[in-house]
Amino acid sequence: MSDKERIMQLVDKTPEYKLGYIIAYIQGLNADEEADDSFCEKLYQDYLNSDDPDKDEFVSLEDAARA
């Protein structure tokens, strides 16, 4: 049995009210990686171009966890 056949078999056994979870998961798997990369690049460029005086300040993981 192929993976696709196994998935279809599982979907057939899934209650209707849970199908939204499957749809959301599959949509996430098929999300446009290029759009995600562009979004992350924009965040990075915004950070680099920021006038925030604290932008280059190091924060340890422990300090960040306490915040």
C-alpha atoms as a PDB file:
ATOM      1  CA  MET A   1       0.000   0.000   0.000  1.00  0.00           C
ATOM      2  CA  SER A   2       1.365   3.416  -0.942  1.00  0.00           C
ATOM      3  CA  ASP A   3       1.643   6.279   1.500  1.00  0.00           C
ATOM      4  CA  LYS A   4      -1.074   8.138  -0.376  1.00  0.00           C
ATOM      5  CA  GLU A   5      -3.417   5.147  -0.130  1.00  0.00           C
ATOM      6  CA  ARG A   6      -2.681   4.861   3.602  1.00  0.00           C
ATOM      7  CA  ILE A   7      -3.439   8.560   4.088  1.00  0.00           C
ATOM      8  CA  MET A   8      -6.722   8.238   2.200  1.00  0.00           C
ATOM      9  CA  GLN A   9      -7.635   5.235   4.326  1.00  0.00           C
ATOM     10  CA  LEU A  10      -6.993   7.216   7.491  1.00  0.00           C
ATOM     11  CA  VAL A  11      -8.982  10.191   6.189  1.00  0.00           C
ATOM     12  CA  ASP A  12     -11.920   7.900   5.465  1.00  0.00           C
ATOM     13  CA  LYS A  13     -11.853   6.752   9.106  1.00  0.00           C
ATOM     14  CA  THR A  14     -11.581  10.296  10.502  1.00  0.00           C
ATOM     15  CA  PRO A  15     -14.727  11.863  11.963  1.00  0.00           C
ATOM     16  CA  GLU A  16     -16.068  14.794   9.962  1.00  0.00           C
ATOM     17  CA  TYR A  17     -15.506  17.259  12.806  1.00  0.00           C
ATOM     18  CA  LYS A  18     -11.748  16.506  12.792  1.00  0.00           C
ATOM     19  CA  LEU A  19     -11.201  16.965   9.056  1.00  0.00           C
ATOM     20  CA  GLY A  20     -10.428  20.664   9.546  1.00  0.00           C
ATOM     21  CA  TYR A  21      -7.279  19.672  11.424  1.00  0.00           C
ATOM     22  CA  ILE A  22      -6.152  17.528   8.511  1.00  0.00           C
ATOM     23  CA  ILE A  23      -6.868  20.303   6.029  1.00  0.00           C
ATOM     24  CA  ALA A  24      -4.918  22.855   8.068  1.00  0.00           C
ATOM     25  CA  TYR A  25      -1.968  20.486   8.436  1.00  0.00           C
ATOM     26  CA  ILE A  26      -1.812  19.665   4.728  1.00  0.00           C
ATOM     27  CA  GLN A  27      -2.136  23.328   3.808  1.00  0.00           C
ATOM     28  CA  GLY A  28       0.809  24.028   6.070  1.00  0.00           C
ATOM     29  CA  LEU A  29       2.853  21.325   4.400  1.00  0.00           C
ATOM     30  CA  ASN A  30       2.084  22.787   1.007  1.00  0.00           C
ATOM     31  CA  ALA A  31       2.646  26.408   2.024  1.00  0.00           C
ATOM     32  CA  ASP A  32       4.651  28.525  -0.319  1.00  0.00           C
ATOM     33  CA  GLU A  33       8.229  28.319   0.991  1.00  0.00           C
ATOM     34  CA  GLU A  34       9.271  31.252  -1.185  1.00  0.00           C
ATOM     35  CA  ALA A  35       6.651  33.512   0.401  1.00  0.00           C
ATOM     36  CA  ASP A  36       7.831  32.394   3.846  1.00  0.00           C
ATOM     37  CA  ASP A  37      11.438  33.145   2.933  1.00  0.00           C
ATOM     38  CA  SER A  38      10.439  36.586   1.635  1.00  0.00           C
ATOM     39  CA  PHE A  39       8.584  37.340   4.862  1.00  0.00           C
ATOM     40  CA  CYS A  40      11.597  36.331   6.967  1.00  0.00           C
ATOM     41  CA  GLU A  41      13.943  38.352   4.781  1.00  0.00           C
ATOM     42  CA  LYS A  42      11.731  41.427   5.215  1.00  0.00           C
ATOM     43  CA  LEU A  43      11.783  40.989   9.006  1.00  0.00           C
ATOM     44  CA  TYR A  44      15.566  40.715   8.907  1.00  0.00           C
ATOM     45  CA  GLN A  45      15.954  43.802   6.712  1.00  0.00           C
ATOM     46  CA  ASP A  46      13.586  45.761   8.956  1.00  0.00           C
ATOM     47  CA  TYR A  47      15.777  44.784  11.900  1.00  0.00           C
ATOM     48  CA  LEU A  48      18.964  45.845  10.107  1.00  0.00           C
ATOM     49  CA  ASN A  49      17.446  49.185   9.126  1.00  0.00           C
ATOM     50  CA  SER A  50      15.982  49.824  12.568  1.00  0.00           C
ATOM     51  CA  ASP A  51      16.991  52.904  14.558  1.00  0.00           C
ATOM     52  CA  ASP A  52      16.420  51.038  17.819  1.00  0.00           C
ATOM     53  CA  PRO A  53      19.453  51.710  20.045  1.00  0.00           C
ATOM     54  CA  ASP A  54      19.109  48.266  21.661  1.00  0.00           C
ATOM     55  CA  LYS A  55      19.120  46.278  18.418  1.00  0.00           C
ATOM     56  CA  ASP A  56      22.691  45.009  18.761  1.00  0.00           C
ATOM     57  CA  GLU A  57      22.452  44.320  22.490  1.00  0.00           C
ATOM     58  CA  PHE A  58      23.103  40.688  23.414  1.00  0.00           C
ATOM     59  CA  VAL A  59      20.436  38.962  25.494  1.00  0.00           C
ATOM     60  CA  SER A  60      21.168  35.540  26.932  1.00  0.00           C
ATOM     61  CA  LEU A  61      18.642  32.750  26.571  1.00  0.00           C
ATOM     62  CA  GLU A  62      18.135  32.766  30.336  1.00  0.00           C
ATOM     63  CA  ASP A  63      17.388  36.508  30.372  1.00  0.00           C
ATOM     64  CA  ALA A  64      15.019  36.164  27.435  1.00  0.00           C
ATOM     65  CA  ALA A  65      13.196  33.317  29.198  1.00  0.00           C
ATOM     66  CA  ARG A  66      12.706  35.477  32.277  1.00  0.00           C
ATOM     67  CA  ALA A  67      11.175  38.320  30.255  1.00  0.00           C
END
